[in-house]
Amino acid sequence: MDIHFDFSGRTALVTGAASGLGLAMANAFADAGASLVLFDMDAGGAAAAAEAINTRHPGRAIARAGSITDQAQVAAACRDAQALTGRLDIVMNNAGISGNASSLDLDEQTWRHAIDVNLTGAFLVAQAAGRIMADQGGGSIVNTASMYGVVTAPERAAYCAAKAGVVALTKVLAIEWADRNIRVNAIGPGYVRTALTETLIQQGRIDLDALHHRVPAGRLGTPEEIAQAALFLASDAAAYVTGQTLVADGGWSSYSYL
């Protein structure tokens, strides 16, 4: 699928940009003309991603290391993105973790960490970006939720709770900031064939045939497909779309058969 969006002259901050969906989003935005800050705890991975982008598009991307749970680091990354062009137009609020475990065995530390990263971190990024966007007259924030923010599955109590929180947070911020011309939406990916997924398949921790059978589309998504959906939400093509979660899961959440 080759869909063209033009983000020339715009600046985007992508969190969790060193790998997986965040990397695909960063590449897609760079190829569409945006200038980028790639923010990730993996300093080496973020630097490598920025270097690869700059090989194709010289001077287009910079890397910043940090955690979305650190308010000062988040604010600094947003300011760095703003400094590239004088604006912060787009935030891909993507960084997150899993933390799956049986609810009877789930320890408090794992629960708190999953909520802290997936929900509190998403809020801190949106808040820091929203302050800049409010002052400049608008912008677009796309949060990465999950299909498990609208449906649930066993042994994912913390993850589902956090991602459902992201869906609700998206709606709250969208209606609160609409008069400031800030659009806030979310993307809800289903199972996607990332490097992590490939590793879990090789380890026998994911039954690929079973997943293919369960997904109505008959396959896993690709990071590039999720990135294209996120680009749409960030683009002028979605100018009247706010407060929505676009679930890109091949039909999983619409299909009740297990």
C-alpha atoms as a PDB file:
ATOM      1  CA  MET A   1       0.000   0.000   0.000  1.00  0.00           C
ATOM      2  CA  ASP A   2       1.480   3.337  -1.065  1.00  0.00           C
ATOM      3  CA  ILE A   3      -0.380   6.276   0.455  1.00  0.00           C
ATOM      4  CA  HIS A   4       1.169   9.728   0.203  1.00  0.00           C
ATOM      5  CA  PHE A   5       0.929  12.311   2.961  1.00  0.00           C
ATOM      6  CA  ASP A   6       2.852  15.576   2.895  1.00  0.00           C
ATOM      7  CA  PHE A   7       4.247  16.788   6.210  1.00  0.00           C
ATOM      8  CA  SER A   8       6.872  19.090   4.739  1.00  0.00           C
ATOM      9  CA  GLY A   9       7.745  21.916   7.111  1.00  0.00           C
ATOM     10  CA  ARG A  10       6.179  20.183  10.099  1.00  0.00           C
ATOM     11  CA  THR A  11       7.873  18.782  13.168  1.00  0.00           C
ATOM     12  CA  ALA A  12       6.969  15.582  14.962  1.00  0.00           C
ATOM     13  CA  LEU A  13       8.020  13.993  18.235  1.00  0.00           C
ATOM     14  CA  VAL A  14       7.877  10.188  18.201  1.00  0.00           C
ATOM     15  CA  THR A  15       8.230   8.331  21.492  1.00  0.00           C
ATOM     16  CA  GLY A  16       9.366   4.726  21.572  1.00  0.00           C
ATOM     17  CA  ALA A  17      11.005   5.446  18.225  1.00  0.00           C
ATOM     18  CA  ALA A  18      13.970   3.081  18.461  1.00  0.00           C
ATOM     19  CA  SER A  19      12.081  -0.029  17.357  1.00  0.00           C
ATOM     20  CA  GLY A  20       8.739  -1.580  16.448  1.00  0.00           C
ATOM     21  CA  LEU A  21       5.767   0.644  15.719  1.00  0.00           C
ATOM     22  CA  GLY A  22       7.560   3.811  16.811  1.00  0.00           C
ATOM     23  CA  LEU A  23      10.377   3.195  14.350  1.00  0.00           C
ATOM     24  CA  ALA A  24       7.890   2.552  11.551  1.00  0.00           C
ATOM     25  CA  MET A  25       6.085   5.780  12.437  1.00  0.00           C
ATOM     26  CA  ALA A  26       9.337   7.747  12.498  1.00  0.00           C
ATOM     27  CA  ASN A  27      10.352   6.402   9.101  1.00  0.00           C
ATOM     28  CA  ALA A  28       6.927   7.133   7.635  1.00  0.00           C
ATOM     29  CA  PHE A  29       6.905  10.715   8.885  1.00  0.00           C
ATOM     30  CA  ALA A  30      10.448  11.330   7.691  1.00  0.00           C
ATOM     31  CA  ASP A  31       9.629   9.959   4.244  1.00  0.00           C
ATOM     32  CA  ALA A  32       6.582  12.258   4.184  1.00  0.00           C
ATOM     33  CA  GLY A  33       8.765  15.315   4.781  1.00  0.00           C
ATOM     34  CA  ALA A  34       8.568  15.915   8.539  1.00  0.00           C
ATOM     35  CA  SER A  35      11.440  16.874  10.805  1.00  0.00           C
ATOM     36  CA  LEU A  36      11.673  14.572  13.795  1.00  0.00           C
ATOM     37  CA  VAL A  37      12.818  14.042  17.339  1.00  0.00           C
ATOM     38  CA  LEU A  38      13.111  10.336  18.136  1.00  0.00           C
ATOM     39  CA  PHE A  39      12.648   9.848  21.883  1.00  0.00           C
ATOM     40  CA  ASP A  40      13.437   6.513  23.501  1.00  0.00           C
ATOM     41  CA  MET A  41      15.067   4.973  26.568  1.00  0.00           C
ATOM     42  CA  ASP A  42      17.252   3.005  24.143  1.00  0.00           C
ATOM     43  CA  ALA A  43      19.755   5.753  23.342  1.00  0.00           C
ATOM     44  CA  GLY A  44      21.726   3.611  20.896  1.00  0.00           C
ATOM     45  CA  GLY A  45      18.620   2.432  19.076  1.00  0.00           C
ATOM     46  CA  ALA A  46      17.239   5.952  18.768  1.00  0.00           C
ATOM     47  CA  ALA A  47      20.580   7.246  17.496  1.00  0.00           C
ATOM     48  CA  ALA A  48      20.783   4.453  14.918  1.00  0.00           C
ATOM     49  CA  ALA A  49      17.243   5.163  13.748  1.00  0.00           C
ATOM     50  CA  ALA A  50      17.992   8.884  13.392  1.00  0.00           C
ATOM     51  CA  GLU A  51      21.195   8.118  11.504  1.00  0.00           C
ATOM     52  CA  ALA A  52      19.324   5.863   9.073  1.00  0.00           C
ATOM     53  CA  ILE A  53      16.710   8.552   8.469  1.00  0.00           C
ATOM     54  CA  ASN A  54      19.383  11.199   7.940  1.00  0.00           C
ATOM     55  CA  THR A  55      21.086   8.969   5.390  1.00  0.00           C
ATOM     56  CA  ARG A  56      17.923   9.170   3.286  1.00  0.00           C
ATOM     57  CA  HIS A  57      16.938  12.697   4.304  1.00  0.00           C
ATOM     58  CA  PRO A  58      19.959  14.696   5.569  1.00  0.00           C
ATOM     59  CA  GLY A  59      19.304  16.721   8.714  1.00  0.00           C
ATOM     60  CA  ARG A  60      15.755  15.458   9.102  1.00  0.00           C
ATOM     61  CA  ALA A  61      15.995  13.670  12.483  1.00  0.00           C
ATOM     62  CA  ILE A  62      17.644  13.930  15.881  1.00  0.00           C
ATOM     63  CA  ALA A  63      17.640  11.388  18.716  1.00  0.00           C
ATOM     64  CA  ARG A  64      16.988  12.062  22.374  1.00  0.00           C
ATOM     65  CA  ALA A  65      17.307   9.504  25.165  1.00  0.00           C
ATOM     66  CA  GLY A  66      14.852   9.510  28.032  1.00  0.00           C
ATOM     67  CA  SER A  67      11.796   8.033  29.699  1.00  0.00           C
ATOM     68  CA  ILE A  68       8.219   9.144  29.164  1.00  0.00           C
ATOM     69  CA  THR A  69       7.716   8.731  32.923  1.00  0.00           C
ATOM     70  CA  ASP A  70      10.222  11.534  33.604  1.00  0.00           C
ATOM     71  CA  GLN A  71       8.383  14.835  33.302  1.00  0.00           C
ATOM     72  CA  ALA A  72      11.543  16.916  32.882  1.00  0.00           C
ATOM     73  CA  GLN A  73      12.929  14.661  30.144  1.00  0.00           C
ATOM     74  CA  VAL A  74       9.600  14.701  28.315  1.00  0.00           C
ATOM     75  CA  ALA A  75       9.400  18.494  28.452  1.00  0.00           C
ATOM     76  CA  ALA A  76      12.969  18.789  27.175  1.00  0.00           C
ATOM     77  CA  ALA A  77      12.242  16.469  24.243  1.00  0.00           C
ATOM     78  CA  CYS A  78       9.174  18.528  23.306  1.00  0.00           C
ATOM     79  CA  ARG A  79      11.247  21.719  23.419  1.00  0.00           C
ATOM     80  CA  ASP A  80      13.928  20.086  21.257  1.00  0.00           C
ATOM     81  CA  ALA A  81      11.296  19.190  18.689  1.00  0.00           C
ATOM     82  CA  GLN A  82       9.895  22.726  18.759  1.00  0.00           C
ATOM     83  CA  ALA A  83      13.386  24.137  18.243  1.00  0.00           C
ATOM     84  CA  LEU A  84      13.796  22.290  14.928  1.00  0.00           C
ATOM     85  CA  THR A  85      11.287  24.458  13.053  1.00  0.00           C
ATOM     86  CA  GLY A  86       9.837  26.747  15.688  1.00  0.00           C
ATOM     87  CA  ARG A  87       6.755  24.540  16.114  1.00  0.00           C
ATOM     88  CA  LEU A  88       5.721  21.181  17.499  1.00  0.00           C
ATOM     89  CA  ASP A  89       3.035  20.096  15.067  1.00  0.00           C
ATOM     90  CA  ILE A  90       2.630  16.382  15.764  1.00  0.00           C
ATOM     91  CA  VAL A  91       3.234  13.959  18.615  1.00  0.00           C
ATOM     92  CA  MET A  92       3.181  10.220  18.132  1.00  0.00           C
ATOM     93  CA  ASN A  93       2.680   9.188  21.760  1.00  0.00           C
ATOM     94  CA  ASN A  94       3.747   5.600  21.211  1.00  0.00           C
ATOM     95  CA  ALA A  95       6.096   4.308  23.931  1.00  0.00           C
ATOM     96  CA  GLY A  96       4.721   1.506  26.107  1.00  0.00           C
ATOM     97  CA  ILE A  97       5.289  -1.903  27.684  1.00  0.00           C
ATOM     98  CA  SER A  98       3.311  -5.129  28.149  1.00  0.00           C
ATOM     99  CA  GLY A  99       3.661  -6.742  31.596  1.00  0.00           C
ATOM    100  CA  ASN A 100       1.373  -9.748  31.106  1.00  0.00           C
ATOM    101  CA  ALA A 101       0.765 -12.013  34.087  1.00  0.00           C
ATOM    102  CA  SER A 102      -1.985 -13.965  35.795  1.00  0.00           C
ATOM    103  CA  SER A 103      -4.117 -11.548  37.806  1.00  0.00           C
ATOM    104  CA  LEU A 104      -3.807 -13.746  40.907  1.00  0.00           C
ATOM    105  CA  ASP A 105      -0.023 -13.633  40.633  1.00  0.00           C
ATOM    106  CA  LEU A 106       0.434 -10.088  39.331  1.00  0.00           C
ATOM    107  CA  ASP A 107       2.640  -8.244  41.802  1.00  0.00           C
ATOM    108  CA  GLU A 108       2.100  -4.627  42.736  1.00  0.00           C
ATOM    109  CA  GLN A 109       5.383  -3.455  41.230  1.00  0.00           C
ATOM    110  CA  THR A 110       4.549  -4.904  37.804  1.00  0.00           C
ATOM    111  CA  TRP A 111       1.044  -3.415  37.964  1.00  0.00           C
ATOM    112  CA  ARG A 112       2.317   0.035  38.922  1.00  0.00           C
ATOM    113  CA  HIS A 113       5.061  -0.026  36.286  1.00  0.00           C
ATOM    114  CA  ALA A 114       2.629  -0.919  33.495  1.00  0.00           C
ATOM    115  CA  ILE A 115       0.211   1.837  34.552  1.00  0.00           C
ATOM    116  CA  ASP A 116       3.050   4.328  35.040  1.00  0.00           C
ATOM    117  CA  VAL A 117       4.517   3.799  31.574  1.00  0.00           C
ATOM    118  CA  ASN A 118       1.415   3.108  29.493  1.00  0.00           C
ATOM    119  CA  LEU A 119      -0.978   5.619  31.047  1.00  0.00           C
ATOM    120  CA  THR A 120       0.875   8.152  33.182  1.00  0.00           C
ATOM    121  CA  GLY A 121       3.666   8.394  30.611  1.00  0.00           C
ATOM    122  CA  ALA A 122       1.160   8.956  27.825  1.00  0.00           C
ATOM    123  CA  PHE A 123      -0.430  11.754  29.858  1.00  0.00           C
ATOM    124  CA  LEU A 124       2.896  13.451  30.614  1.00  0.00           C
ATOM    125  CA  VAL A 125       3.835  13.486  26.926  1.00  0.00           C
ATOM    126  CA  ALA A 126       0.419  14.785  25.865  1.00  0.00           C
ATOM    127  CA  GLN A 127       0.440  17.450  28.568  1.00  0.00           C
ATOM    128  CA  ALA A 128       3.914  18.758  27.688  1.00  0.00           C
ATOM    129  CA  ALA A 129       3.100  18.789  23.985  1.00  0.00           C
ATOM    130  CA  GLY A 130      -0.335  20.288  24.591  1.00  0.00           C
ATOM    131  CA  ARG A 131       1.162  23.266  26.408  1.00  0.00           C
ATOM    132  CA  ILE A 132       3.345  24.078  23.401  1.00  0.00           C
ATOM    133  CA  MET A 133       0.541  23.454  20.917  1.00  0.00           C
ATOM    134  CA  ALA A 134      -1.872  25.666  22.862  1.00  0.00           C
ATOM    135  CA  ASP A 135       0.592  28.558  22.729  1.00  0.00           C
ATOM    136  CA  GLN A 136       1.262  28.133  19.006  1.00  0.00           C
ATOM    137  CA  GLY A 137      -2.378  27.749  17.993  1.00  0.00           C
ATOM    138  CA  GLY A 138      -2.826  24.019  17.428  1.00  0.00           C
ATOM    139  CA  GLY A 139      -1.365  20.623  16.685  1.00  0.00           C
ATOM    140  CA  SER A 140      -2.143  16.933  16.528  1.00  0.00           C
ATOM    141  CA  ILE A 141      -1.471  14.231  19.120  1.00  0.00           C
ATOM    142  CA  VAL A 142      -1.873  10.548  18.313  1.00  0.00           C
ATOM    143  CA  ASN A 143      -1.729   8.190  21.284  1.00  0.00           C
ATOM    144  CA  THR A 144      -0.916   4.522  20.822  1.00  0.00           C
ATOM    145  CA  ALA A 145      -3.624   2.601  22.652  1.00  0.00           C
ATOM    146  CA  SER A 146      -4.349  -1.009  21.665  1.00  0.00           C
ATOM    147  CA  MET A 147      -7.222  -3.201  20.579  1.00  0.00           C
ATOM    148  CA  TYR A 148      -6.932  -4.320  24.204  1.00  0.00           C
ATOM    149  CA  GLY A 149      -8.074  -0.851  25.173  1.00  0.00           C
ATOM    150  CA  VAL A 150     -11.522  -1.649  23.753  1.00  0.00           C
ATOM    151  CA  VAL A 151     -11.655  -5.427  24.289  1.00  0.00           C
ATOM    152  CA  THR A 152      -9.917  -7.589  26.873  1.00  0.00           C
ATOM    153  CA  ALA A 153      -8.046 -10.855  27.259  1.00  0.00           C
ATOM    154  CA  PRO A 154      -6.875 -12.997  30.188  1.00  0.00           C
ATOM    155  CA  GLU A 155      -3.634 -12.236  32.012  1.00  0.00           C
ATOM    156  CA  ARG A 156      -3.495  -8.657  30.801  1.00  0.00           C
ATOM    157  CA  ALA A 157      -5.133  -6.806  33.691  1.00  0.00           C
ATOM    158  CA  ALA A 158      -2.559  -4.019  33.944  1.00  0.00           C
ATOM    159  CA  TYR A 159      -2.106  -3.649  30.187  1.00  0.00           C
ATOM    160  CA  CYS A 160      -5.827  -3.605  29.396  1.00  0.00           C
ATOM    161  CA  ALA A 161      -6.551  -1.199  32.247  1.00  0.00           C
ATOM    162  CA  ALA A 162      -3.809   1.158  31.105  1.00  0.00           C
ATOM    163  CA  LYS A 163      -4.761   1.073  27.432  1.00  0.00           C
ATOM    164  CA  ALA A 164      -8.453   1.561  28.234  1.00  0.00           C
ATOM    165  CA  GLY A 165      -7.255   4.553  30.227  1.00  0.00           C
ATOM    166  CA  VAL A 166      -5.432   5.841  27.139  1.00  0.00           C
ATOM    167  CA  VAL A 167      -8.666   5.579  25.140  1.00  0.00           C
ATOM    168  CA  ALA A 168     -10.527   7.592  27.796  1.00  0.00           C
ATOM    169  CA  LEU A 169      -7.651  10.063  28.161  1.00  0.00           C
ATOM    170  CA  THR A 170      -7.736  10.626  24.402  1.00  0.00           C
ATOM    171  CA  LYS A 171     -11.411  11.602  24.581  1.00  0.00           C
ATOM    172  CA  VAL A 172     -10.947  13.912  27.560  1.00  0.00           C
ATOM    173  CA  LEU A 173      -8.030  15.788  26.031  1.00  0.00           C
ATOM    174  CA  ALA A 174      -9.768  15.999  22.652  1.00  0.00           C
ATOM    175  CA  ILE A 175     -12.857  17.744  24.009  1.00  0.00           C
ATOM    176  CA  GLU A 176     -10.880  19.855  26.466  1.00  0.00           C
ATOM    177  CA  TRP A 177      -8.432  21.148  23.846  1.00  0.00           C
ATOM    178  CA  ALA A 178     -10.671  21.312  20.776  1.00  0.00           C
ATOM    179  CA  ASP A 179     -11.150  25.082  21.119  1.00  0.00           C
ATOM    180  CA  ARG A 180      -7.361  25.428  21.048  1.00  0.00           C
ATOM    181  CA  ASN A 181      -7.217  23.662  17.671  1.00  0.00           C
ATOM    182  CA  ILE A 182      -5.453  20.625  19.173  1.00  0.00           C
ATOM    183  CA  ARG A 183      -6.719  17.317  17.844  1.00  0.00           C
ATOM    184  CA  VAL A 184      -6.163  14.227  20.002  1.00  0.00           C
ATOM    185  CA  ASN A 185      -6.793  10.747  18.623  1.00  0.00           C
ATOM    186  CA  ALA A 186      -5.537   7.243  19.249  1.00  0.00           C
ATOM    187  CA  ILE A 187      -4.499   4.259  17.183  1.00  0.00           C
ATOM    188  CA  GLY A 188      -5.430   0.819  18.541  1.00  0.00           C
ATOM    189  CA  PRO A 189      -3.135  -1.775  16.967  1.00  0.00           C
ATOM    190  CA  GLY A 190      -3.905  -5.468  17.041  1.00  0.00           C
ATOM    191  CA  TYR A 191      -1.245  -8.128  16.645  1.00  0.00           C
ATOM    192  CA  VAL A 192       1.561  -6.765  14.493  1.00  0.00           C
ATOM    193  CA  ARG A 193       4.557  -8.597  13.099  1.00  0.00           C
ATOM    194  CA  THR A 194       7.360  -6.665  14.800  1.00  0.00           C
ATOM    195  CA  ALA A 195      10.848  -7.899  15.668  1.00  0.00           C
ATOM    196  CA  LEU A 196       9.587  -8.709  19.174  1.00  0.00           C
ATOM    197  CA  THR A 197       6.713 -10.743  17.740  1.00  0.00           C
ATOM    198  CA  GLU A 198       9.145 -12.636  15.535  1.00  0.00           C
ATOM    199  CA  THR A 199      11.273 -13.499  18.562  1.00  0.00           C
ATOM    200  CA  LEU A 200       8.240 -14.737  20.504  1.00  0.00           C
ATOM    201  CA  ILE A 201       7.200 -16.864  17.515  1.00  0.00           C
ATOM    202  CA  GLN A 202      10.662 -18.410  17.317  1.00  0.00           C
ATOM    203  CA  GLN A 203      10.597 -19.108  21.062  1.00  0.00           C
ATOM    204  CA  GLY A 204       7.248 -20.862  20.729  1.00  0.00           C
ATOM    205  CA  ARG A 205       5.511 -18.309  22.962  1.00  0.00           C
ATOM    206  CA  ILE A 206       3.179 -17.218  20.142  1.00  0.00           C
ATOM    207  CA  ASP A 207       1.220 -19.705  18.051  1.00  0.00           C
ATOM    208  CA  LEU A 208       1.224 -17.971  14.677  1.00  0.00           C
ATOM    209  CA  ASP A 209      -1.220 -20.413  13.076  1.00  0.00           C
ATOM    210  CA  ALA A 210      -3.697 -19.863  15.910  1.00  0.00           C
ATOM    211  CA  LEU A 211      -3.405 -16.099  15.560  1.00  0.00           C
ATOM    212  CA  HIS A 212      -3.954 -16.272  11.818  1.00  0.00           C
ATOM    213  CA  HIS A 213      -7.073 -18.358  12.450  1.00  0.00           C
ATOM    214  CA  ARG A 214      -8.392 -15.905  15.056  1.00  0.00           C
ATOM    215  CA  VAL A 215      -7.841 -12.716  13.012  1.00  0.00           C
ATOM    216  CA  PRO A 216     -10.616 -12.314  10.406  1.00  0.00           C
ATOM    217  CA  ALA A 217      -8.086 -10.823   7.972  1.00  0.00           C
ATOM    218  CA  GLY A 218      -6.122 -14.076   8.261  1.00  0.00           C
ATOM    219  CA  ARG A 219      -2.778 -12.471   9.061  1.00  0.00           C
ATOM    220  CA  LEU A 220      -0.917 -10.175  11.417  1.00  0.00           C
ATOM    221  CA  GLY A 221      -0.541  -6.517  10.594  1.00  0.00           C
ATOM    222  CA  THR A 222       2.712  -4.861   9.630  1.00  0.00           C
ATOM    223  CA  PRO A 223       4.314  -1.900  11.405  1.00  0.00           C
ATOM    224  CA  GLU A 224       4.055   0.059   8.167  1.00  0.00           C
ATOM    225  CA  GLU A 225       0.263  -0.435   8.060  1.00  0.00           C
ATOM    226  CA  ILE A 226      -0.095   0.893  11.587  1.00  0.00           C
ATOM    227  CA  ALA A 227       2.155   3.820  10.708  1.00  0.00           C
ATOM    228  CA  GLN A 228      -0.041   4.708   7.725  1.00  0.00           C
ATOM    229  CA  ALA A 229      -3.128   4.735   9.933  1.00  0.00           C
ATOM    230  CA  ALA A 230      -1.326   6.971  12.426  1.00  0.00           C
ATOM    231  CA  LEU A 231      -0.214   9.316   9.651  1.00  0.00           C
ATOM    232  CA  PHE A 232      -3.816   9.668   8.550  1.00  0.00           C
ATOM    233  CA  LEU A 233      -4.908  10.696  12.040  1.00  0.00           C
ATOM    234  CA  ALA A 234      -2.100  13.255  12.211  1.00  0.00           C
ATOM    235  CA  SER A 235      -2.774  14.639   8.732  1.00  0.00           C
ATOM    236  CA  ASP A 236      -5.050  17.357   7.392  1.00  0.00           C
ATOM    237  CA  ALA A 237      -7.174  14.563   5.892  1.00  0.00           C
ATOM    238  CA  ALA A 238      -8.412  14.002   9.460  1.00  0.00           C
ATOM    239  CA  ALA A 239      -8.954  17.683  10.226  1.00  0.00           C
ATOM    240  CA  TYR A 240     -12.470  17.044  11.605  1.00  0.00           C
ATOM    241  CA  VAL A 241     -11.503  13.884  13.507  1.00  0.00           C
ATOM    242  CA  THR A 242     -10.757  14.174  17.207  1.00  0.00           C
ATOM    243  CA  GLY A 243     -11.391  12.069  20.302  1.00  0.00           C
ATOM    244  CA  GLN A 244     -11.427   8.858  18.265  1.00  0.00           C
ATOM    245  CA  THR A 245      -9.593   5.548  18.530  1.00  0.00           C
ATOM    246  CA  LEU A 246      -8.898   3.947  15.168  1.00  0.00           C
ATOM    247  CA  VAL A 247      -8.599   0.222  15.895  1.00  0.00           C
ATOM    248  CA  ALA A 248      -6.356  -1.431  13.314  1.00  0.00           C
ATOM    249  CA  ASP A 249      -6.567  -5.123  14.194  1.00  0.00           C
ATOM    250  CA  GLY A 250      -7.686  -6.987  11.082  1.00  0.00           C
ATOM    251  CA  GLY A 251     -11.162  -7.357  12.578  1.00  0.00           C
ATOM    252  CA  TRP A 252     -10.068  -9.030  15.847  1.00  0.00           C
ATOM    253  CA  SER A 253     -12.109  -6.843  18.197  1.00  0.00           C
ATOM    254  CA  SER A 254     -15.257  -7.214  16.076  1.00  0.00           C
ATOM    255  CA  TYR A 255     -15.113 -11.021  16.066  1.00  0.00           C
ATOM    256  CA  SER A 256     -16.481 -12.783  19.166  1.00  0.00           C
ATOM    257  CA  TYR A 257     -15.354 -16.308  18.235  1.00  0.00           C
ATOM    258  CA  LEU A 258     -12.401 -17.600  20.245  1.00  0.00           C
END
